Structures are given as C-alpha cells and as structure tokens.
Amino acid sequence: MPLTPAQRKTLKSRAHALQPVVLIGGNGLSPAVLNEIDLSLRAHELIKIHVAGEDREVRALLMDEICASLGADPVQSIGRMLVLFREKPPAGAPKPRSPARRTRRRLTKRTFQEGE
C-alpha cells in the first residue's frame, strides 16, 4: 500500500538525522547489496542508501527496482541519497532462517587414510 502524503512527511522528518547504511558503488545493484538492504530494512524500517556516481535516471530506476524486489516504499530521493521504508513484520511472523554455520572437520589419522 503506498504511503500517504502525511506518512511520507513524517518519515522524511525521521530520516533527516539518519546516516546512510548501504552504499551502492560502481558494481551497481548486486544480489549481495539487495540482501544487505533487506537486512537493514528488517532491522530499522527506515533507511538511507547512498548511490555513488550515477545520474538521476539511473537512481530512479534503482529506487524502483529495490522497492519492487523488496516490497519497500520509496520515501524520498535527494541527490545521491535514497530513503526507503518497509514496515517491520508482526512479532509472531516467522523469521527467515540464517545460513547454516560451517563447521570445520578435524583431520585425524583415520580421516586422512580414508581420503586417500
């Protein structure tokens, strides 16, 4: 659901004091950057993104692509800063699984001999 003008105004005032949490650099919008934006939105709801060295049309396309893929609402785009908002899920909603931790397998004499 798109933001109302009153909601947008409130979010702009809240975002004024924020520092950018994500930087989109020369490699553009990679899956890793999208993942980082998603994590930041989960943690903070309202974030600033700094886009380095892109022209106005590219920044607008980046904003549209991010919002479409992550379900966020655009709040503001000033210069190289993009401001996005996505409401946090309710407390009872299931959290996404974190990647499994990798465990190192100990090398013993037996495993070494089995691997030969």
PDB file of N, CA and C in Angstrom:
ATOM      1  N   MET A   1       0.845  -1.175   0.000  1.00  0.00           N
ATOM      2  CA  MET A   1       0.000   0.000   0.000  1.00  0.00           C
ATOM      3  C   MET A   1       0.893   1.243   0.000  1.00  0.00           C
ATOM      4  N   PRO A   2       0.688   2.137  -0.928  1.00  0.00           N
ATOM      5  CA  PRO A   2       1.543   3.322  -0.993  1.00  0.00           C
ATOM      6  C   PRO A   2       1.349   4.231   0.225  1.00  0.00           C
ATOM      7  N   LEU A   3       2.380   4.989   0.508  1.00  0.00           N
ATOM      8  CA  LEU A   3       2.339   5.898   1.649  1.00  0.00           C
ATOM      9  C   LEU A   3       1.475   7.107   1.337  1.00  0.00           C
ATOM     10  N   THR A   4       0.777   7.603   2.353  1.00  0.00           N
ATOM     11  CA  THR A   4       0.006   8.830   2.195  1.00  0.00           C
ATOM     12  C   THR A   4       0.972  10.013   2.310  1.00  0.00           C
ATOM     13  N   PRO A   5       0.578  11.183   1.829  1.00  0.00           N
ATOM     14  CA  PRO A   5       1.469  12.347   1.968  1.00  0.00           C
ATOM     15  C   PRO A   5       1.820  12.670   3.423  1.00  0.00           C
ATOM     16  N   ALA A   6       0.886  12.457   4.341  1.00  0.00           N
ATOM     17  CA  ALA A   6       1.171  12.721   5.759  1.00  0.00           C
ATOM     18  C   ALA A   6       2.211  11.737   6.296  1.00  0.00           C
ATOM     19  N   GLN A   7       2.084  10.461   5.919  1.00  0.00           N
ATOM     20  CA  GLN A   7       3.065   9.467   6.350  1.00  0.00           C
ATOM     21  C   GLN A   7       4.437   9.775   5.755  1.00  0.00           C
ATOM     22  N   ARG A   8       4.449  10.143   4.480  1.00  0.00           N
ATOM     23  CA  ARG A   8       5.706  10.472   3.813  1.00  0.00           C
ATOM     24  C   ARG A   8       6.393  11.656   4.505  1.00  0.00           C
ATOM     25  N   LYS A   9       5.615  12.657   4.891  1.00  0.00           N
ATOM     26  CA  LYS A   9       6.167  13.835   5.567  1.00  0.00           C
ATOM     27  C   LYS A   9       6.783  13.443   6.909  1.00  0.00           C
ATOM     28  N   THR A  10       6.099  12.602   7.653  1.00  0.00           N
ATOM     29  CA  THR A  10       6.620  12.140   8.947  1.00  0.00           C
ATOM     30  C   THR A  10       7.903  11.342   8.770  1.00  0.00           C
ATOM     31  N   LEU A  11       7.914  10.459   7.766  1.00  0.00           N
ATOM     32  CA  LEU A  11       9.105   9.648   7.523  1.00  0.00           C
ATOM     33  C   LEU A  11      10.280  10.497   7.055  1.00  0.00           C
ATOM     34  N   LYS A  12      10.023  11.524   6.261  1.00  0.00           N
ATOM     35  CA  LYS A  12      11.099  12.419   5.824  1.00  0.00           C
ATOM     36  C   LYS A  12      11.743  13.112   7.018  1.00  0.00           C
ATOM     37  N   SER A  13      10.910  13.543   7.972  1.00  0.00           N
ATOM     38  CA  SER A  13      11.471  14.223   9.149  1.00  0.00           C
ATOM     39  C   SER A  13      12.266  13.242  10.011  1.00  0.00           C
ATOM     40  N   ARG A  14      11.808  11.991  10.115  1.00  0.00           N
ATOM     41  CA  ARG A  14      12.570  10.979  10.867  1.00  0.00           C
ATOM     42  C   ARG A  14      13.875  10.638  10.177  1.00  0.00           C
ATOM     43  N   ALA A  15      13.884  10.627   8.844  1.00  0.00           N
ATOM     44  CA  ALA A  15      15.066  10.235   8.083  1.00  0.00           C
ATOM     45  C   ALA A  15      16.131  11.317   8.035  1.00  0.00           C
ATOM     46  N   HIS A  16      15.768  12.533   8.358  1.00  0.00           N
ATOM     47  CA  HIS A  16      16.715  13.643   8.245  1.00  0.00           C
ATOM     48  C   HIS A  16      18.006  13.390   9.032  1.00  0.00           C
ATOM     49  N   ALA A  17      17.887  12.843  10.223  1.00  0.00           N
ATOM     50  CA  ALA A  17      19.060  12.652  11.091  1.00  0.00           C
ATOM     51  C   ALA A  17      19.788  11.336  10.822  1.00  0.00           C
ATOM     52  N   LEU A  18      19.261  10.498   9.956  1.00  0.00           N
ATOM     53  CA  LEU A  18      19.880   9.196   9.707  1.00  0.00           C
ATOM     54  C   LEU A  18      21.124   9.308   8.836  1.00  0.00           C
ATOM     55  N   GLN A  19      22.037   8.390   9.047  1.00  0.00           N
ATOM     56  CA  GLN A  19      23.206   8.238   8.187  1.00  0.00           C
ATOM     57  C   GLN A  19      22.922   7.102   7.206  1.00  0.00           C
ATOM     58  N   PRO A  20      23.516   7.127   6.014  1.00  0.00           N
ATOM     59  CA  PRO A  20      23.303   6.019   5.076  1.00  0.00           C
ATOM     60  C   PRO A  20      23.874   4.718   5.632  1.00  0.00           C
ATOM     61  N   VAL A  21      23.109   3.640   5.470  1.00  0.00           N
ATOM     62  CA  VAL A  21      23.554   2.341   5.976  1.00  0.00           C
ATOM     63  C   VAL A  21      24.060   1.431   4.864  1.00  0.00           C
ATOM     64  N   VAL A  22      23.735   1.761   3.615  1.00  0.00           N
ATOM     65  CA  VAL A  22      24.161   0.954   2.478  1.00  0.00           C
ATOM     66  C   VAL A  22      24.707   1.888   1.408  1.00  0.00           C
ATOM     67  N   LEU A  23      25.778   1.456   0.746  1.00  0.00           N
ATOM     68  CA  LEU A  23      26.369   2.208  -0.353  1.00  0.00           C
ATOM     69  C   LEU A  23      26.296   1.355  -1.609  1.00  0.00           C
ATOM     70  N   ILE A  24      25.680   1.912  -2.647  1.00  0.00           N
ATOM     71  CA  ILE A  24      25.658   1.236  -3.938  1.00  0.00           C
ATOM     72  C   ILE A  24      26.780   1.846  -4.756  1.00  0.00           C
ATOM     73  N   GLY A  25      27.818   1.081  -4.983  1.00  0.00           N
ATOM     74  CA  GLY A  25      29.016   1.581  -5.643  1.00  0.00           C
ATOM     75  C   GLY A  25      29.016   1.337  -7.138  1.00  0.00           C
ATOM     76  N   GLY A  26      30.198   1.241  -7.693  1.00  0.00           N
ATOM     77  CA  GLY A  26      30.379   1.110  -9.130  1.00  0.00           C
ATOM     78  C   GLY A  26      29.865  -0.190  -9.711  1.00  0.00           C
ATOM     79  N   ASN A  27      29.737  -1.238  -8.896  1.00  0.00           N
ATOM     80  CA  ASN A  27      29.247  -2.522  -9.403  1.00  0.00           C
ATOM     81  C   ASN A  27      27.738  -2.567  -9.511  1.00  0.00           C
ATOM     82  N   GLY A  28      27.063  -1.532  -9.052  1.00  0.00           N
ATOM     83  CA  GLY A  28      25.610  -1.480  -9.179  1.00  0.00           C
ATOM     84  C   GLY A  28      24.896  -2.284  -8.113  1.00  0.00           C
ATOM     85  N   LEU A  29      23.695  -2.660  -8.444  1.00  0.00           N
ATOM     86  CA  LEU A  29      22.817  -3.350  -7.502  1.00  0.00           C
ATOM     87  C   LEU A  29      23.004  -4.859  -7.639  1.00  0.00           C
ATOM     88  N   SER A  30      23.908  -5.402  -6.870  1.00  0.00           N
ATOM     89  CA  SER A  30      24.183  -6.836  -6.904  1.00  0.00           C
ATOM     90  C   SER A  30      23.259  -7.547  -5.910  1.00  0.00           C
ATOM     91  N   PRO A  31      23.166  -8.865  -5.991  1.00  0.00           N
ATOM     92  CA  PRO A  31      22.359  -9.603  -5.016  1.00  0.00           C
ATOM     93  C   PRO A  31      22.842  -9.402  -3.576  1.00  0.00           C
ATOM     94  N   ALA A  32      24.133  -9.246  -3.391  1.00  0.00           N
ATOM     95  CA  ALA A  32      24.661  -9.016  -2.040  1.00  0.00           C
ATOM     96  C   ALA A  32      24.190  -7.665  -1.489  1.00  0.00           C
ATOM     97  N   VAL A  33      24.158  -6.652  -2.350  1.00  0.00           N
ATOM     98  CA  VAL A  33      23.691  -5.332  -1.919  1.00  0.00           C
ATOM     99  C   VAL A  33      22.200  -5.392  -1.602  1.00  0.00           C
ATOM    100  N   LEU A  34      21.424  -6.085  -2.440  1.00  0.00           N
ATOM    101  CA  LEU A  34      19.990  -6.246  -2.167  1.00  0.00           C
ATOM    102  C   LEU A  34      19.756  -6.965  -0.845  1.00  0.00           C
ATOM    103  N   ASN A  35      20.570  -7.971  -0.558  1.00  0.00           N
ATOM    104  CA  ASN A  35      20.457  -8.688   0.703  1.00  0.00           C
ATOM    105  C   ASN A  35      20.758  -7.766   1.879  1.00  0.00           C
ATOM    106  N   GLU A  36      21.766  -6.937   1.741  1.00  0.00           N
ATOM    107  CA  GLU A  36      22.130  -6.008   2.814  1.00  0.00           C
ATOM    108  C   GLU A  36      21.024  -4.979   3.040  1.00  0.00           C
ATOM    109  N   ILE A  37      20.415  -4.505   1.963  1.00  0.00           N
ATOM    110  CA  ILE A  37      19.299  -3.563   2.084  1.00  0.00           C
ATOM    111  C   ILE A  37      18.139  -4.244   2.795  1.00  0.00           C
ATOM    112  N   ASP A  38      17.860  -5.492   2.437  1.00  0.00           N
ATOM    113  CA  ASP A  38      16.786  -6.248   3.075  1.00  0.00           C
ATOM    114  C   ASP A  38      17.037  -6.406   4.571  1.00  0.00           C
ATOM    115  N   LEU A  39      18.263  -6.757   4.937  1.00  0.00           N
ATOM    116  CA  LEU A  39      18.606  -6.897   6.364  1.00  0.00           C
ATOM    117  C   LEU A  39      18.457  -5.572   7.103  1.00  0.00           C
ATOM    118  N   SER A  40      18.874  -4.491   6.477  1.00  0.00           N
ATOM    119  CA  SER A  40      18.769  -3.170   7.107  1.00  0.00           C
ATOM    120  C   SER A  40      17.316  -2.763   7.284  1.00  0.00           C
ATOM    121  N   LEU A  41      16.482  -3.049   6.292  1.00  0.00           N
ATOM    122  CA  LEU A  41      15.059  -2.728   6.416  1.00  0.00           C
ATOM    123  C   LEU A  41      14.401  -3.556   7.508  1.00  0.00           C
ATOM    124  N   ARG A  42      14.805  -4.815   7.649  1.00  0.00           N
ATOM    125  CA  ARG A  42      14.261  -5.646   8.732  1.00  0.00           C
ATOM    126  C   ARG A  42      14.634  -5.079  10.094  1.00  0.00           C
ATOM    127  N   ALA A  43      15.837  -4.558  10.196  1.00  0.00           N
ATOM    128  CA  ALA A  43      16.316  -4.071  11.489  1.00  0.00           C
ATOM    129  C   ALA A  43      15.798  -2.670  11.821  1.00  0.00           C
ATOM    130  N   HIS A  44      15.679  -1.810  10.810  1.00  0.00           N
ATOM    131  CA  HIS A  44      15.417  -0.399  11.091  1.00  0.00           C
ATOM    132  C   HIS A  44      14.121   0.171  10.534  1.00  0.00           C
ATOM    133  N   GLU A  45      13.484  -0.450   9.595  1.00  0.00           N
ATOM    134  CA  GLU A  45      12.287   0.030   8.898  1.00  0.00           C
ATOM    135  C   GLU A  45      12.564   1.196   7.949  1.00  0.00           C
ATOM    136  N   LEU A  46      13.290   2.179   8.391  1.00  0.00           N
ATOM    137  CA  LEU A  46      13.550   3.383   7.604  1.00  0.00           C
ATOM    138  C   LEU A  46      15.060   3.515   7.418  1.00  0.00           C
ATOM    139  N   ILE A  47      15.514   3.524   6.166  1.00  0.00           N
ATOM    140  CA  ILE A  47      16.957   3.579   5.917  1.00  0.00           C
ATOM    141  C   ILE A  47      17.280   4.572   4.807  1.00  0.00           C
ATOM    142  N   LYS A  48      18.545   4.997   4.814  1.00  0.00           N
ATOM    143  CA  LYS A  48      19.093   5.809   3.733  1.00  0.00           C
ATOM    144  C   LYS A  48      20.110   4.972   2.977  1.00  0.00           C
ATOM    145  N   ILE A  49      20.106   5.149   1.663  1.00  0.00           N
ATOM    146  CA  ILE A  49      21.054   4.453   0.800  1.00  0.00           C
ATOM    147  C   ILE A  49      21.805   5.508  -0.003  1.00  0.00           C
ATOM    148  N   HIS A  50      23.114   5.407  -0.054  1.00  0.00           N
ATOM    149  CA  HIS A  50      23.935   6.329  -0.838  1.00  0.00           C
ATOM    150  C   HIS A  50      24.285   5.664  -2.164  1.00  0.00           C
ATOM    151  N   VAL A  51      23.982   6.342  -3.273  1.00  0.00           N
ATOM    152  CA  VAL A  51      24.283   5.826  -4.606  1.00  0.00           C
ATOM    153  C   VAL A  51      25.446   6.638  -5.152  1.00  0.00           C
ATOM    154  N   ALA A  52      26.555   5.976  -5.410  1.00  0.00           N
ATOM    155  CA  ALA A  52      27.762   6.669  -5.849  1.00  0.00           C
ATOM    156  C   ALA A  52      27.800   6.787  -7.368  1.00  0.00           C
ATOM    157  N   GLY A  53      27.958   8.013  -7.846  1.00  0.00           N
ATOM    158  CA  GLY A  53      28.280   8.270  -9.242  1.00  0.00           C
ATOM    159  C   GLY A  53      27.271   7.884 -10.294  1.00  0.00           C
ATOM    160  N   GLU A  54      26.012   7.900 -10.021  1.00  0.00           N
ATOM    161  CA  GLU A  54      25.004   7.566 -11.020  1.00  0.00           C
ATOM    162  C   GLU A  54      24.193   8.824 -11.352  1.00  0.00           C
ATOM    163  N   ASP A  55      23.641   8.858 -12.565  1.00  0.00           N
ATOM    164  CA  ASP A  55      22.821  10.008 -12.927  1.00  0.00           C
ATOM    165  C   ASP A  55      21.390   9.839 -12.403  1.00  0.00           C
ATOM    166  N   ARG A  56      20.597  10.852 -12.560  1.00  0.00           N
ATOM    167  CA  ARG A  56      19.257  10.904 -11.972  1.00  0.00           C
ATOM    168  C   ARG A  56      18.359   9.762 -12.449  1.00  0.00           C
ATOM    169  N   GLU A  57      18.390   9.461 -13.743  1.00  0.00           N
ATOM    170  CA  GLU A  57      17.525   8.404 -14.269  1.00  0.00           C
ATOM    171  C   GLU A  57      17.913   7.037 -13.713  1.00  0.00           C
ATOM    172  N   VAL A  58      19.204   6.797 -13.587  1.00  0.00           N
ATOM    173  CA  VAL A  58      19.669   5.519 -13.034  1.00  0.00           C
ATOM    174  C   VAL A  58      19.272   5.403 -11.570  1.00  0.00           C
ATOM    175  N   ARG A  59      19.366   6.492 -10.827  1.00  0.00           N
ATOM    176  CA  ARG A  59      18.952   6.463  -9.411  1.00  0.00           C
ATOM    177  C   ARG A  59      17.461   6.163  -9.293  1.00  0.00           C
ATOM    178  N   ALA A  60      16.661   6.737 -10.181  1.00  0.00           N
ATOM    179  CA  ALA A  60      15.221   6.474 -10.152  1.00  0.00           C
ATOM    180  C   ALA A  60      14.933   5.009 -10.472  1.00  0.00           C
ATOM    181  N   LEU A  61      15.656   4.458 -11.435  1.00  0.00           N
ATOM    182  CA  LEU A  61      15.488   3.043 -11.769  1.00  0.00           C
ATOM    183  C   LEU A  61      15.925   2.141 -10.615  1.00  0.00           C
ATOM    184  N   LEU A  62      17.025   2.513  -9.950  1.00  0.00           N
ATOM    185  CA  LEU A  62      17.486   1.740  -8.791  1.00  0.00           C
ATOM    186  C   LEU A  62      16.433   1.749  -7.684  1.00  0.00           C
ATOM    187  N   MET A  63      15.861   2.918  -7.430  1.00  0.00           N
ATOM    188  CA  MET A  63      14.826   3.043  -6.394  1.00  0.00           C
ATOM    189  C   MET A  63      13.638   2.154  -6.741  1.00  0.00           C
ATOM    190  N   ASP A  64      13.197   2.181  -7.997  1.00  0.00           N
ATOM    191  CA  ASP A  64      12.064   1.358  -8.413  1.00  0.00           C
ATOM    192  C   ASP A  64      12.372  -0.130  -8.287  1.00  0.00           C
ATOM    193  N   GLU A  65      13.564  -0.520  -8.697  1.00  0.00           N
ATOM    194  CA  GLU A  65      13.941  -1.932  -8.642  1.00  0.00           C
ATOM    195  C   GLU A  65      14.044  -2.437  -7.208  1.00  0.00           C
ATOM    196  N   ILE A  66      14.641  -1.639  -6.342  1.00  0.00           N
ATOM    197  CA  ILE A  66      14.766  -2.031  -4.929  1.00  0.00           C
ATOM    198  C   ILE A  66      13.392  -2.167  -4.294  1.00  0.00           C
ATOM    199  N   CYS A  67      12.543  -1.172  -4.521  1.00  0.00           N
ATOM    200  CA  CYS A  67      11.207  -1.202  -3.922  1.00  0.00           C
ATOM    201  C   CYS A  67      10.387  -2.382  -4.438  1.00  0.00           C
ATOM    202  N   ALA A  68      10.485  -2.661  -5.731  1.00  0.00           N
ATOM    203  CA  ALA A  68       9.724  -3.772  -6.299  1.00  0.00           C
ATOM    204  C   ALA A  68      10.213  -5.123  -5.787  1.00  0.00           C
ATOM    205  N   SER A  69      11.519  -5.291  -5.670  1.00  0.00           N
ATOM    206  CA  SER A  69      12.039  -6.600  -5.276  1.00  0.00           C
ATOM    207  C   SER A  69      11.961  -6.854  -3.776  1.00  0.00           C
ATOM    208  N   LEU A  70      11.953  -5.795  -2.959  1.00  0.00           N
ATOM    209  CA  LEU A  70      11.940  -5.987  -1.509  1.00  0.00           C
ATOM    210  C   LEU A  70      10.622  -5.607  -0.839  1.00  0.00           C
ATOM    211  N   GLY A  71       9.678  -5.088  -1.602  1.00  0.00           N
ATOM    212  CA  GLY A  71       8.394  -4.707  -1.016  1.00  0.00           C
ATOM    213  C   GLY A  71       8.482  -3.472  -0.143  1.00  0.00           C
ATOM    214  N   ALA A  72       9.379  -2.569  -0.473  1.00  0.00           N
ATOM    215  CA  ALA A  72       9.551  -1.338   0.300  1.00  0.00           C
ATOM    216  C   ALA A  72       8.819  -0.186  -0.383  1.00  0.00           C
ATOM    217  N   ASP A  73       8.634   0.897   0.357  1.00  0.00           N
ATOM    218  CA  ASP A  73       8.004   2.099  -0.185  1.00  0.00           C
ATOM    219  C   ASP A  73       9.053   3.191  -0.317  1.00  0.00           C
ATOM    220  N   PRO A  74       9.093   3.879  -1.461  1.00  0.00           N
ATOM    221  CA  PRO A  74      10.016   5.000  -1.594  1.00  0.00           C
ATOM    222  C   PRO A  74       9.509   6.190  -0.788  1.00  0.00           C
ATOM    223  N   VAL A  75      10.398   6.806  -0.043  1.00  0.00           N
ATOM    224  CA  VAL A  75      10.031   7.974   0.746  1.00  0.00           C
ATOM    225  C   VAL A  75      10.541   9.232   0.065  1.00  0.00           C
ATOM    226  N   GLN A  76      11.824   9.208  -0.323  1.00  0.00           N
ATOM    227  CA  GLN A  76      12.441  10.423  -0.838  1.00  0.00           C
ATOM    228  C   GLN A  76      13.706  10.077  -1.607  1.00  0.00           C
ATOM    229  N   SER A  77      14.017  10.912  -2.571  1.00  0.00           N
ATOM    230  CA  SER A  77      15.269  10.808  -3.291  1.00  0.00           C
ATOM    231  C   SER A  77      15.828  12.215  -3.437  1.00  0.00           C
ATOM    232  N   ILE A  78      16.903  12.477  -2.708  1.00  0.00           N
ATOM    233  CA  ILE A  78      17.534  13.795  -2.768  1.00  0.00           C
ATOM    234  C   ILE A  78      18.988  13.595  -3.135  1.00  0.00           C
ATOM    235  N   GLY A  79      19.382  14.156  -4.264  1.00  0.00           N
ATOM    236  CA  GLY A  79      20.762  13.999  -4.705  1.00  0.00           C
ATOM    237  C   GLY A  79      21.099  12.538  -4.864  1.00  0.00           C
ATOM    238  N   ARG A  80      22.118  12.102  -4.178  1.00  0.00           N
ATOM    239  CA  ARG A  80      22.544  10.706  -4.255  1.00  0.00           C
ATOM    240  C   ARG A  80      21.994   9.849  -3.118  1.00  0.00           C
ATOM    241  N   MET A  81      21.092  10.388  -2.347  1.00  0.00           N
ATOM    242  CA  MET A  81      20.506   9.652  -1.225  1.00  0.00           C
ATOM    243  C   MET A  81      19.107   9.162  -1.566  1.00  0.00           C
ATOM    244  N   LEU A  82      18.878   7.886  -1.285  1.00  0.00           N
ATOM    245  CA  LEU A  82      17.553   7.294  -1.420  1.00  0.00           C
ATOM    246  C   LEU A  82      17.067   6.946  -0.018  1.00  0.00           C
ATOM    247  N   VAL A  83      15.815   7.242   0.254  1.00  0.00           N
ATOM    248  CA  VAL A  83      15.231   6.921   1.554  1.00  0.00           C
ATOM    249  C   VAL A  83      14.097   5.931   1.305  1.00  0.00           C
ATOM    250  N   LEU A  84      14.171   4.790   2.003  1.00  0.00           N
ATOM    251  CA  LEU A  84      13.188   3.721   1.844  1.00  0.00           C
ATOM    252  C   LEU A  84      12.558   3.369   3.182  1.00  0.00           C
ATOM    253  N   PHE A  85      11.315   2.895   3.108  1.00  0.00           N
ATOM    254  CA  PHE A  85      10.601   2.467   4.305  1.00  0.00           C
ATOM    255  C   PHE A  85       9.915   1.145   4.020  1.00  0.00           C
ATOM    256  N   ARG A  86      10.015   0.224   4.975  1.00  0.00           N
ATOM    257  CA  ARG A  86       9.244  -1.013   4.942  1.00  0.00           C
ATOM    258  C   ARG A  86       8.900  -1.359   6.373  1.00  0.00           C
ATOM    259  N   GLU A  87       7.618  -1.513   6.618  1.00  0.00           N
ATOM    260  CA  GLU A  87       7.161  -1.798   7.969  1.00  0.00           C
ATOM    261  C   GLU A  87       7.692  -3.151   8.434  1.00  0.00           C
ATOM    262  N   LYS A  88       8.079  -3.210   9.705  1.00  0.00           N
ATOM    263  CA  LYS A  88       8.567  -4.468  10.260  1.00  0.00           C
ATOM    264  C   LYS A  88       7.427  -5.473  10.309  1.00  0.00           C
ATOM    265  N   PRO A  89       7.742  -6.753  10.106  1.00  0.00           N
ATOM    266  CA  PRO A  89       6.688  -7.767  10.207  1.00  0.00           C
ATOM    267  C   PRO A  89       6.199  -7.876  11.648  1.00  0.00           C
ATOM    268  N   PRO A  90       4.978  -8.365  11.847  1.00  0.00           N
ATOM    269  CA  PRO A  90       4.471  -8.529  13.210  1.00  0.00           C
ATOM    270  C   PRO A  90       5.358  -9.453  14.037  1.00  0.00           C
ATOM    271  N   ALA A  91       5.231  -9.340  15.345  1.00  0.00           N
ATOM    272  CA  ALA A  91       6.103 -10.092  16.252  1.00  0.00           C
ATOM    273  C   ALA A  91       5.941 -11.602  16.088  1.00  0.00           C
ATOM    274  N   GLY A  92       4.766 -12.087  15.727  1.00  0.00           N
ATOM    275  CA  GLY A  92       4.535 -13.522  15.608  1.00  0.00           C
ATOM    276  C   GLY A  92       4.943 -14.106  14.270  1.00  0.00           C
ATOM    277  N   ALA A  93       5.349 -13.256  13.323  1.00  0.00           N
ATOM    278  CA  ALA A  93       5.703 -13.742  11.989  1.00  0.00           C
ATOM    279  C   ALA A  93       7.005 -14.538  12.055  1.00  0.00           C
ATOM    280  N   PRO A  94       7.107 -15.607  11.274  1.00  0.00           N
ATOM    281  CA  PRO A  94       8.338 -16.397  11.298  1.00  0.00           C
ATOM    282  C   PRO A  94       9.505 -15.616  10.714  1.00  0.00           C
ATOM    283  N   LYS A  95      10.649 -15.755  11.347  1.00  0.00           N
ATOM    284  CA  LYS A  95      11.857 -15.084  10.876  1.00  0.00           C
ATOM    285  C   LYS A  95      12.524 -15.941   9.812  1.00  0.00           C
ATOM    286  N   PRO A  96      13.148 -15.306   8.821  1.00  0.00           N
ATOM    287  CA  PRO A  96      13.870 -16.101   7.828  1.00  0.00           C
ATOM    288  C   PRO A  96      15.058 -16.805   8.465  1.00  0.00           C
ATOM    289  N   ARG A  97      15.383 -17.975   7.950  1.00  0.00           N
ATOM    290  CA  ARG A  97      16.491 -18.755   8.509  1.00  0.00           C
ATOM    291  C   ARG A  97      17.815 -18.129   8.136  1.00  0.00           C
ATOM    292  N   SER A  98      18.707 -18.145   9.085  1.00  0.00           N
ATOM    293  CA  SER A  98      20.055 -17.668   8.800  1.00  0.00           C
ATOM    294  C   SER A  98      20.840 -18.801   8.154  1.00  0.00           C
ATOM    295  N   PRO A  99      21.865 -18.459   7.391  1.00  0.00           N
ATOM    296  CA  PRO A  99      22.661 -19.517   6.770  1.00  0.00           C
ATOM    297  C   PRO A  99      23.291 -20.417   7.823  1.00  0.00           C
ATOM    298  N   ALA A 100      23.372 -21.684   7.512  1.00  0.00           N
ATOM    299  CA  ALA A 100      23.944 -22.643   8.464  1.00  0.00           C
ATOM    300  C   ALA A 100      25.419 -22.340   8.674  1.00  0.00           C
ATOM    301  N   ARG A 101      25.842 -22.527   9.884  1.00  0.00           N
ATOM    302  CA  ARG A 101      27.260 -22.323  10.181  1.00  0.00           C
ATOM    303  C   ARG A 101      28.064 -23.479   9.619  1.00  0.00           C
ATOM    304  N   ARG A 102      29.178 -23.140   9.090  1.00  0.00           N
ATOM    305  CA  ARG A 102      30.067 -24.182   8.590  1.00  0.00           C
ATOM    306  C   ARG A 102      30.959 -24.653   9.727  1.00  0.00           C
ATOM    307  N   THR A 103      31.063 -25.928   9.838  1.00  0.00           N
ATOM    308  CA  THR A 103      31.940 -26.477  10.874  1.00  0.00           C
ATOM    309  C   THR A 103      33.141 -27.092  10.198  1.00  0.00           C
ATOM    310  N   ARG A 104      34.245 -26.911  10.813  1.00  0.00           N
ATOM    311  CA  ARG A 104      35.477 -27.499  10.273  1.00  0.00           C
ATOM    312  C   ARG A 104      35.581 -28.929  10.753  1.00  0.00           C
ATOM    313  N   ARG A 105      35.873 -29.766   9.861  1.00  0.00           N
ATOM    314  CA  ARG A 105      36.050 -31.167  10.197  1.00  0.00           C
ATOM    315  C   ARG A 105      37.494 -31.382  10.602  1.00  0.00           C
ATOM    316  N   ARG A 106      37.661 -31.987  11.743  1.00  0.00           N
ATOM    317  CA  ARG A 106      39.022 -32.235  12.225  1.00  0.00           C
ATOM    318  C   ARG A 106      39.682 -33.319  11.404  1.00  0.00           C
ATOM    319  N   LEU A 107      40.885 -33.071  11.058  1.00  0.00           N
ATOM    320  CA  LEU A 107      41.649 -34.085  10.332  1.00  0.00           C
ATOM    321  C   LEU A 107      42.343 -34.985  11.338  1.00  0.00           C
ATOM    322  N   THR A 108      41.969 -36.207  11.296  1.00  0.00           N
ATOM    323  CA  THR A 108      42.624 -37.199  12.148  1.00  0.00           C
ATOM    324  C   THR A 108      43.327 -38.192  11.242  1.00  0.00           C
ATOM    325  N   LYS A 109      44.080 -39.045  11.861  1.00  0.00           N
ATOM    326  CA  LYS A 109      44.799 -40.051  11.088  1.00  0.00           C
ATOM    327  C   LYS A 109      43.812 -40.916  10.306  1.00  0.00           C
ATOM    328  N   ARG A 110      42.683 -41.209  10.920  1.00  0.00           N
ATOM    329  CA  ARG A 110      41.705 -42.094  10.283  1.00  0.00           C
ATOM    330  C   ARG A 110      41.078 -41.409   9.069  1.00  0.00           C
ATOM    331  N   THR A 111      40.649 -40.153   9.202  1.00  0.00           N
ATOM    332  CA  THR A 111      40.017 -39.469   8.055  1.00  0.00           C
ATOM    333  C   THR A 111      41.020 -39.239   6.944  1.00  0.00           C
ATOM    334  N   PHE A 112      42.273 -39.029   7.302  1.00  0.00           N
ATOM    335  CA  PHE A 112      43.299 -38.833   6.287  1.00  0.00           C
ATOM    336  C   PHE A 112      43.490 -40.110   5.476  1.00  0.00           C
ATOM    337  N   GLN A 113      43.495 -41.237   6.162  1.00  0.00           N
ATOM    338  CA  GLN A 113      43.682 -42.516   5.473  1.00  0.00           C
ATOM    339  C   GLN A 113      42.463 -42.851   4.617  1.00  0.00           C
ATOM    340  N   GLU A 114      41.256 -42.488   5.073  1.00  0.00           N
ATOM    341  CA  GLU A 114      40.047 -42.762   4.300  1.00  0.00           C
ATOM    342  C   GLU A 114      40.021 -41.929   3.008  1.00  0.00           C
ATOM    343  N   GLY A 115      40.571 -40.737   3.073  1.00  0.00           N
ATOM    344  CA  GLY A 115      40.547 -39.851   1.907  1.00  0.00           C
ATOM    345  C   GLY A 115      41.531 -40.227   0.836  1.00  0.00           C
ATOM    346  N   GLU A 116      42.484 -41.092   1.119  1.00  0.00           N
ATOM    347  CA  GLU A 116      43.499 -41.471   0.133  1.00  0.00           C
ATOM    348  C   GLU A 116      42.972 -42.343  -0.954  1.00  0.00           C
TER     349      GLU A 116
END
